[in-house]
Every structure is written in C-alpha cells, then in structure tokens.
Protein backbone atom coordinates (compact mmCIF):
# COMPACT_ATOMS: atom_id res chain seq x y z
CA MET A 1 42.54 -5.78 0.57
CA THR A 2 41.04 -4.40 3.71
CA ALA A 3 37.33 -4.99 4.16
CA THR A 4 35.08 -2.22 4.86
CA VAL A 5 33.20 -2.23 7.97
CA CYS A 6 29.72 -0.52 8.76
CA VAL A 7 29.42 0.71 12.25
CA ALA A 8 25.63 1.11 13.13
CA VAL A 9 25.39 3.92 16.09
CA HIS A 10 22.47 2.85 17.40
CA SER A 11 22.77 -1.29 17.41
CA PRO A 12 26.16 -2.51 19.39
CA ALA A 13 25.18 -5.86 19.41
CA LEU A 14 25.18 -6.08 15.82
CA ASP A 15 27.87 -3.81 14.94
CA SER A 16 30.47 -6.69 16.93
CA LEU A 17 28.41 -9.72 14.39
CA TYR A 18 29.77 -7.73 11.32
CA GLN A 19 33.36 -8.96 10.58
CA PRO A 20 32.73 -9.78 6.77
CA THR A 21 35.67 -10.18 4.50
CA GLN A 22 35.67 -9.53 0.94
CA ALA A 23 36.83 -12.96 -0.18
CA GLY A 24 33.83 -14.29 2.23
CA TYR A 25 31.36 -11.54 0.58
CA ALA A 26 32.46 -12.52 -3.01
CA ALA A 27 32.20 -16.38 -2.17
CA SER A 28 28.61 -16.01 -0.84
CA MET A 29 27.31 -13.79 -3.99
CA GLN A 30 28.80 -16.84 -6.46
CA ALA A 31 25.62 -18.94 -5.58
CA ASN A 32 22.34 -18.11 -6.50
CA ALA A 33 20.82 -15.97 -4.27
CA LEU A 34 17.39 -17.25 -4.36
CA SER A 35 18.52 -20.88 -4.11
CA GLY A 36 17.96 -21.33 -0.41
CA ARG A 37 15.35 -19.37 2.04
CA VAL A 38 14.17 -16.11 0.83
CA LEU A 39 13.32 -13.58 3.25
CA VAL A 40 10.67 -10.82 2.39
CA THR A 41 9.68 -8.11 4.33
CA GLY A 42 6.68 -6.40 3.80
CA GLY A 43 5.45 -9.15 2.61
CA ALA A 44 1.63 -8.48 2.63
CA GLY A 45 2.04 -5.59 1.37
CA PHE A 46 2.00 -4.10 -2.31
CA ILE A 47 5.15 -4.64 -4.06
CA GLY A 48 6.28 -7.16 -0.94
CA SER A 49 3.26 -9.43 -2.20
CA ALA A 50 4.05 -9.28 -5.88
CA LEU A 51 7.35 -10.27 -5.08
CA VAL A 52 6.40 -13.31 -3.34
CA TRP A 53 4.02 -14.02 -6.42
CA ALA A 54 6.94 -13.42 -9.11
CA LEU A 55 8.93 -16.25 -7.18
CA ASN A 56 6.00 -18.48 -7.11
CA GLN A 57 5.77 -17.78 -10.70
CA ARG A 58 9.38 -19.39 -10.69
CA GLY A 59 8.52 -22.42 -8.59
CA ILE A 60 9.80 -20.38 -5.47
CA ASP A 61 7.65 -21.24 -1.80
CA ASN A 62 10.75 -21.72 0.42
CA ILE A 63 9.52 -17.99 1.48
CA LEU A 64 9.66 -16.64 4.92
CA VAL A 65 7.35 -13.60 4.75
CA VAL A 66 7.49 -11.04 7.16
CA ASP A 67 4.94 -8.34 7.99
CA ARG A 68 3.12 -6.40 10.46
CA LEU A 69 -0.36 -7.14 10.06
CA GLY A 70 -3.07 -4.36 11.42
CA SER A 71 -6.68 -3.86 11.06
CA ASP A 72 -6.52 -3.70 7.12
CA GLU A 73 -7.59 -5.67 4.44
CA LYS A 74 -3.63 -6.59 3.28
CA TRP A 75 -3.39 -10.01 4.80
CA ARG A 76 -6.05 -11.09 1.30
CA ASN A 77 -2.59 -10.67 -0.61
CA LEU A 78 -1.30 -13.70 1.05
CA VAL A 79 -3.92 -15.96 0.62
CA PRO A 80 -3.74 -16.84 -2.73
CA LEU A 81 0.54 -16.93 -2.25
CA ARG A 82 2.85 -20.12 -1.54
CA TYR A 83 5.38 -19.22 1.31
CA ALA A 84 6.96 -21.62 3.96
CA ASP A 85 6.36 -19.32 7.14
CA TYR A 86 5.32 -16.26 8.47
CA MET A 87 6.62 -13.75 10.89
CA ASP A 88 5.55 -10.64 12.63
CA ALA A 89 8.43 -7.74 11.92
CA ASP A 90 8.96 -6.76 15.79
CA GLU A 91 9.93 -10.61 16.06
CA LEU A 92 12.32 -10.50 13.04
CA GLN A 93 13.89 -7.79 14.40
CA GLN A 94 14.57 -9.04 18.02
CA ARG A 95 15.55 -12.63 16.16
CA MET A 96 18.18 -10.47 13.99
CA GLN A 97 19.43 -8.51 16.56
CA ARG A 98 20.55 -11.78 18.94
CA ARG A 99 21.54 -13.77 15.82
CA ASP A 100 19.08 -16.05 16.10
CA ALA A 101 19.30 -19.59 14.83
CA SER A 102 15.92 -19.62 13.28
CA LEU A 103 17.18 -17.74 10.24
CA GLN A 104 19.91 -19.71 9.79
CA GLY A 105 19.44 -20.98 5.52
CA ILE A 106 18.19 -17.79 4.49
CA THR A 107 20.23 -16.99 1.05
CA SER A 108 18.58 -13.44 0.02
CA VAL A 109 16.69 -10.63 1.54
CA LEU A 110 13.91 -8.27 -0.53
CA HIS A 111 13.33 -5.74 2.41
CA LEU A 112 10.12 -3.83 1.43
CA GLY A 113 8.99 -3.45 5.07
CA ALA A 114 8.63 0.08 5.83
CA CYS A 115 5.74 2.87 6.24
CA SER A 116 4.96 3.48 2.73
CA ALA A 117 2.56 6.93 3.02
CA THR A 118 4.06 10.05 1.43
CA THR A 119 1.69 11.73 3.57
CA GLU A 120 2.60 10.11 7.41
CA ARG A 121 3.50 13.20 9.53
CA ASP A 122 4.75 11.26 12.62
CA ALA A 123 8.67 11.73 12.27
CA ALA A 124 9.67 9.17 15.14
CA TYR A 125 7.52 6.51 13.39
CA LEU A 126 9.21 6.70 10.27
CA MET A 127 12.87 6.76 11.77
CA ARG A 128 11.59 3.66 13.14
CA ASN A 129 10.10 2.02 10.58
CA ASN A 130 12.11 3.20 7.59
CA TYR A 131 15.46 4.22 8.50
CA GLU A 132 16.23 2.21 12.23
CA TYR A 133 14.77 -1.39 10.84
CA THR A 134 16.28 -1.34 7.57
CA LYS A 135 19.64 -0.70 9.18
CA ASP A 136 19.19 -3.67 11.47
CA VAL A 137 18.32 -5.70 8.35
CA CYS A 138 20.98 -4.76 6.12
CA LEU A 139 23.66 -4.96 8.72
CA TRP A 140 21.91 -8.76 9.61
CA ALA A 141 22.44 -9.52 5.86
CA LEU A 142 25.81 -8.04 5.64
CA ALA A 143 27.25 -9.71 9.03
CA GLY A 144 26.40 -13.24 7.15
CA GLY A 145 27.05 -12.42 3.46
CA VAL A 146 23.52 -12.53 2.55
CA ARG A 147 22.87 -11.09 -0.58
CA CYS A 148 19.64 -7.95 0.34
CA VAL A 149 17.79 -5.43 -1.88
CA TYR A 150 15.72 -2.91 0.01
CA ALA A 151 13.14 -0.36 -1.01
CA SER A 152 14.37 3.21 -1.57
CA SER A 153 12.26 5.72 -3.18
CA ALA A 154 12.17 8.01 -5.95
CA ALA A 155 10.83 10.54 -3.28
CA THR A 156 14.57 10.82 -2.27
CA TYR A 157 14.33 12.97 -5.37
CA GLY A 158 12.42 15.99 -4.27
CA ASP A 159 11.18 18.21 -6.80
CA GLY A 160 13.55 16.47 -9.54
CA GLU A 161 14.80 19.82 -10.38
CA ARG A 162 18.75 18.31 -9.45
CA GLY A 163 17.73 15.42 -11.89
CA MET A 164 16.92 11.52 -11.09
CA SER A 165 19.91 9.96 -11.68
CA ASP A 166 20.52 7.07 -9.38
CA GLY A 167 24.36 8.29 -9.65
CA ALA A 168 23.70 11.64 -8.42
CA ASP A 169 25.43 12.84 -5.42
CA LEU A 170 23.44 11.96 -2.41
CA ASP A 171 24.69 15.05 -0.68
CA THR A 172 22.82 17.32 -3.29
CA LEU A 173 18.90 15.68 -3.00
CA ARG A 174 16.28 17.57 -1.14
CA PRO A 175 13.43 15.37 -0.53
CA LEU A 176 10.18 16.85 -0.37
CA ASN A 177 8.58 15.07 3.01
CA MET A 178 9.72 13.26 5.93
CA TYR A 179 8.75 9.75 4.20
CA GLY A 180 11.43 10.72 1.26
CA TYR A 181 13.41 11.87 3.84
CA SER A 182 13.51 8.66 5.76
CA LYS A 183 14.77 6.86 2.93
CA HIS A 184 17.02 9.33 1.73
CA LEU A 185 18.99 9.13 5.51
CA LEU A 186 19.30 5.07 4.99
CA ASP A 187 20.73 5.77 1.17
CA LEU A 188 23.45 8.26 2.97
CA TRP A 189 24.12 5.83 5.80
CA ALA A 190 24.77 2.93 3.59
CA ALA A 191 26.67 5.11 1.57
CA ARG A 192 29.07 6.98 4.11
CA GLN A 193 29.33 3.58 5.97
CA GLY A 194 30.70 1.86 3.23
CA CYS A 195 27.80 -0.51 3.35
CA LEU A 196 26.27 0.22 -0.33
CA SER A 197 28.81 -1.26 -2.23
CA ARG A 198 27.64 -4.74 -1.07
CA LEU A 199 23.52 -3.56 -0.44
CA VAL A 200 21.24 -2.86 -3.63
CA GLY A 201 18.44 0.21 -2.95
CA VAL A 202 15.74 0.30 -5.68
CA LYS A 203 14.19 3.52 -6.04
CA TYR A 204 10.80 2.69 -6.92
CA PHE A 205 9.01 5.30 -9.24
CA ASN A 206 5.25 5.77 -9.87
CA ILE A 207 4.41 1.94 -9.55
CA TYR A 208 0.63 0.61 -9.86
CA GLY A 209 -1.16 -2.73 -9.98
CA PRO A 210 -3.24 -5.68 -8.29
CA ASN A 211 -2.65 -5.97 -4.66
CA GLU A 212 -3.19 -2.30 -3.56
CA ASP A 213 -6.18 -2.02 -2.63
CA HIS A 214 -5.54 -1.61 1.09
CA LYS A 215 -3.36 1.47 1.07
CA GLY A 216 -5.91 3.53 1.23
CA GLU A 217 -5.08 7.23 0.16
CA MET A 218 -1.80 6.04 -1.32
CA ARG A 219 -3.39 3.69 -4.16
CA SER A 220 -2.81 4.66 -7.33
CA LEU A 221 -4.67 6.70 -9.08
CA VAL A 222 -6.31 3.54 -11.41
CA HIS A 223 -7.48 1.95 -8.80
CA LYS A 224 -8.74 5.49 -7.31
CA ALA A 225 -10.53 6.22 -10.35
CA TYR A 226 -11.52 2.92 -10.87
CA SER A 227 -14.31 3.09 -8.35
CA GLN A 228 -15.25 6.86 -9.42
CA ILE A 229 -15.82 5.90 -12.82
CA GLN A 230 -18.07 3.20 -12.15
CA ALA A 231 -19.96 5.19 -9.81
CA THR A 232 -20.25 8.39 -11.56
CA GLY A 233 -19.04 7.80 -15.00
CA ARG A 234 -15.97 10.51 -14.67
CA MET A 235 -12.92 10.98 -12.93
CA GLN A 236 -11.11 13.67 -11.44
CA LEU A 237 -7.54 15.24 -12.14
CA PHE A 238 -5.71 18.15 -10.15
CA GLU A 239 -5.21 21.17 -12.28
CA SER A 240 -2.22 22.31 -13.03
CA HIS A 241 -0.63 25.74 -11.15
CA ARG A 242 2.74 25.93 -13.27
CA SER A 243 1.80 28.12 -16.82
CA ASP A 244 4.38 25.23 -18.52
CA TYR A 245 2.24 22.48 -17.79
CA ALA A 246 -1.59 22.42 -19.08
CA HIS A 247 -4.16 20.59 -16.75
CA GLY A 248 -3.51 16.99 -16.93
CA GLU A 249 -0.45 17.10 -18.42
CA GLN A 250 1.91 16.79 -15.10
CA VAL A 251 3.72 13.51 -16.12
CA ARG A 252 4.96 10.71 -13.99
CA ASP A 253 7.14 7.65 -14.81
CA PHE A 254 4.66 5.29 -14.13
CA LEU A 255 5.66 1.27 -13.77
CA TYR A 256 3.34 -1.51 -13.81
CA VAL A 257 4.07 -3.41 -10.68
CA LYS A 258 4.87 -6.86 -12.85
CA ASP A 259 7.59 -4.97 -14.19
CA ALA A 260 8.85 -3.38 -11.08
CA VAL A 261 9.31 -7.13 -9.47
CA ALA A 262 10.82 -8.38 -12.57
CA MET A 263 13.39 -5.32 -12.20
CA THR A 264 14.02 -6.14 -8.72
CA LEU A 265 14.77 -9.93 -8.97
CA HIS A 266 17.01 -9.08 -11.82
CA LEU A 267 18.98 -7.00 -9.55
CA MET A 268 18.75 -9.55 -6.94
CA GLU A 269 20.12 -12.38 -9.46
CA THR A 270 23.04 -10.09 -10.61
CA PRO A 271 26.04 -10.48 -8.10
CA GLN A 272 27.62 -7.37 -9.99
CA ALA A 273 24.89 -5.19 -9.21
CA SER A 274 25.61 -3.03 -5.73
CA GLY A 275 24.41 0.68 -5.16
CA LEU A 276 21.28 2.80 -5.95
CA TYR A 277 19.01 1.73 -9.15
CA ASN A 278 16.11 3.54 -10.16
CA VAL A 279 12.75 1.17 -10.99
CA GLY A 280 10.76 2.66 -13.42
CA SER A 281 9.70 2.81 -17.27
CA GLY A 282 12.18 5.15 -18.15
CA GLY A 283 9.43 7.31 -19.84
CA ALA A 284 7.53 10.24 -18.75
CA THR A 285 3.29 9.68 -19.30
CA SER A 286 0.63 12.70 -18.19
CA TRP A 287 -2.36 11.90 -16.01
CA ASN A 288 -4.48 12.22 -18.86
CA ARG A 289 -2.76 9.52 -21.23
CA LEU A 290 -2.99 7.35 -18.01
CA ALA A 291 -7.00 8.37 -17.27
CA LYS A 292 -7.77 7.36 -21.21
CA ALA A 293 -6.20 4.26 -20.94
CA LEU A 294 -8.29 3.31 -17.88
CA PHE A 295 -11.60 4.91 -19.55
CA GLN A 296 -10.56 2.79 -22.44
CA ALA A 297 -9.94 -0.42 -20.43
CA MET A 298 -13.31 0.10 -18.82
CA GLY A 299 -15.25 0.48 -22.27
CA ARG A 300 -16.18 4.15 -21.09
CA SER A 301 -16.33 7.62 -22.66
CA VAL A 302 -13.39 9.75 -21.52
CA GLN A 303 -15.06 12.18 -18.84
CA ILE A 304 -12.27 14.00 -16.86
CA GLU A 305 -12.83 16.95 -14.32
CA TYR A 306 -10.20 19.01 -13.13
CA ILE A 307 -10.20 20.20 -9.83
CA PRO A 308 -7.72 22.92 -7.81
CA MET A 309 -5.00 20.93 -6.20
CA PRO A 310 -5.01 21.30 -2.15
CA GLU A 311 -2.50 24.72 -0.73
CA ALA A 312 -0.84 21.99 1.34
CA LEU A 313 0.30 20.08 -1.58
CA ARG A 314 1.07 22.82 -3.96
CA GLY A 315 4.60 23.55 -2.59
CA LYS A 316 5.44 19.87 -2.85
CA TYR A 317 3.84 18.51 -5.85
CA GLN A 318 6.42 16.86 -8.42
CA TYR A 319 5.18 18.13 -11.94
CA ARG A 320 7.27 16.03 -13.62
CA THR A 321 9.19 12.44 -13.09
CA GLN A 322 11.29 10.44 -15.00
CA ALA A 323 13.51 7.68 -14.00
CA ASP A 324 17.08 7.31 -15.58
CA THR A 325 17.68 3.69 -16.16
CA SER A 326 20.70 3.67 -17.74
CA LYS A 327 22.25 1.89 -14.85
CA LEU A 328 19.24 -0.83 -14.53
CA ARG A 329 20.43 -1.46 -18.19
CA ALA A 330 24.03 -1.48 -17.67
CA ALA A 331 23.10 -4.34 -15.15
CA GLY A 332 22.04 -6.55 -17.78
CA TRP A 333 18.15 -5.31 -17.94
CA SER A 334 16.99 -5.77 -21.57
CA ALA A 335 13.01 -5.98 -21.34
CA THR A 336 10.68 -3.09 -22.51
CA PRO A 337 8.22 -2.42 -19.80
CA LEU A 338 4.67 -2.63 -20.68
CA ALA A 339 2.80 0.55 -21.98
CA VAL A 340 0.45 2.14 -19.79
CA GLU A 341 -2.25 1.36 -22.41
CA GLU A 342 -1.44 -2.59 -22.01
CA ALA A 343 -0.92 -2.48 -18.36
CA VAL A 344 -4.17 -0.59 -17.29
CA ARG A 345 -6.06 -3.10 -19.35
CA ASP A 346 -4.29 -5.91 -17.64
CA TYR A 347 -5.06 -4.75 -14.57
CA VAL A 348 -8.78 -3.56 -15.15
CA VAL A 349 -9.60 -6.83 -17.15
CA GLN A 350 -8.06 -9.44 -14.82
CA TYR A 351 -8.18 -7.97 -11.60
CA LEU A 352 -10.24 -4.96 -10.23
CA ALA A 353 -13.04 -6.45 -12.43
CA HIS A 354 -12.93 -9.24 -10.60
CA ASP A 355 -11.76 -8.22 -7.14
CA ARG A 356 -8.71 -10.65 -7.76
CA ARG A 357 -5.57 -10.50 -6.30
CA LEU A 358 -1.81 -11.55 -7.50
CA GLY A 359 -2.04 -15.11 -7.21
CA ASP A 360 -5.60 -15.79 -8.43
CA GLU A 361 -5.55 -15.48 -12.28
CA VAL A 362 -4.75 -19.01 -12.12
CA LEU A 363 -8.18 -19.66 -11.30
CA ALA A 364 -9.67 -17.75 -14.12
C-alpha cells in the first residue's frame, strides 16, 4: 500500500521531512502514546492546563509545556502542576521546522495552542496562530509517527442548521466567525491532504470549569455570573429574539472540563481513533438550568435578569448546540459526563469559592 503524503504549501522544509510509511505509522501507534515525553501546547491555558493536570493525576509528569505567556494571569494555572520543561510557542515552531534533536523522545502531542477568542477580528493573527501553527505541529508529528490530537471547535458548525455531526461533509459547513473559520480551514486542509486518517481533531463544545479565569470575555457564564451574583445577588442572561425560544431557553451542550480532558486522553490512547470527534455531553441544557444550578451551588435564591442581545451578535448567535457523540462512543468512550448540577457544584465549592486552580485541590 502506498502511503498518503501530506503537502504543506507554506513549509517546504517540513514537506521534505514527511516521508512516513503505513507500516512505520502503525508500529508507532502500537505503543502507549503517553509512555514517553508528552508535548502539550497551550499548556498554560484553560483546557491545556487541565490536560496537564489530568496527566499528573495518572502519575505522568514527563511533559513539555508550550505556550505564549503574555500579560494575563494564565501562568498561575501552571503553579500547582508537575511538568519537566517549558518552551515558548515560537521557539517550538522554529525547532520543529529545523527538526531539532531536542524534541526527540516525544511520543504524543496534545495541541491546544491557539487563539480561542470567538470575537477576535484580526484574521491574519488567527491564520498564523490557529492555522499555520497547527499545520506545522501536525506535519512534525506525522513526520515522526508521533500520535497527535489537536483542538478543533464546535464553532466550525456555524449556526448548526446543517447539524452537528462529526461525520458531516466538511464542505457543507459554514462557520459564523473568523475563529470558527480558522479551525474549519485546518480540518479541511487535513482532510484534503489525506492526513486526517492519522490525526485526531477534537471539536470542543461549551467547556467550563477551573483554570478559565484568565480568558476575559471568553470565560464561561458560570465564571462570569459567580462574581456577578456575589456582587448584586442576581445574574443576567440574553433575551431570546426568536419566537420559538423563550428567554433563557436557548440551549448549549455544556461539558465540564474534567470530562472534556478525560475524553481527549481517551482518544489519544485509542490507536484506532482517527479523524474528527465531537467532545461534548451529547445533551442540550438551557441557560436557565445552568443559572439555577449556579444559584443552588452558591446557596442563593434564583434572581435572573434578561437583557437585550447586542445587535452585533444577533445574526451570529447559536440558539441550539448539541454534540452528536456517537462516534466518540464507537471509539470506546462509555463514561457518563457529570450532570450540570454536579459539575457546577464541584466548580463552585472546590475552586471558585477558594480561588483555586486544578492541582490545588490536594491542599484542601
């Protein structure tokens, strides 16, 4: 059988390195992908640091954390975690491009390093960080037969009118914002170049939980509303601007970050898993239910104020998201995610109430 070759237009140096064979790839996947050195990009960020935490829970600390630490507080996510080394993302990209020997021994790549702001409008920035960077990481991994899981997004599905199946024809999807398009473009590239059968792309839905506080406006409603309720006793939700949805009854597939990283590591450790996978609860929960779970966890009476949705969001707003998780289940995932009420309580009681990060809970 002839090996499929991925061609990267932007990086000839990497193209010349990508000379895998089917036999060599299969052999490399027989070993436990987490048995050697684990590379986690975006490792100081929300889901990335949660992955490092989950690896630590398994006794794994031979981890190379890669990120871009700026002026926000995400460095605090790293403090309670155990890892072998840290590297700046630009330095990693340069070392990958020159096939630097310092990266030898890496057996798995968890690529979470990207801009996650759905409101980011700098298209060139998103193309560099979410598309070009991810291509370089994927090509480097493929060249060495290294197992690679990268972050895609449910934002690639757009308004969801075409469904939210990870088996959908990618050419039919229409993302609503540049963030979603940058993620979608990488999925398209991998599929068209024949690489997707040797990669795993995870389409994260609405993930929430500890280690997200640095994300500003991209924080979950739970994090934002926790402070709002403490200060005012009430929280705000957007009104519905569709007659078929009552205020607060717009629904999302909410998934606690601890469940999200467990699903991600399951896919990493399942050699036969390849292609795109939805990572979500498989259910649809209203904003009202999520809000009530938060008030309950805080021991407060429910006080919700509905406010008009900004005009700029109305044409890009998703009224319903729900992951089709049948492909994930077919790949052997059998656990039941925490219910919203249980997850929100864990988040509030164990973390938000004490300003803790993942890894701090051992000190409680």
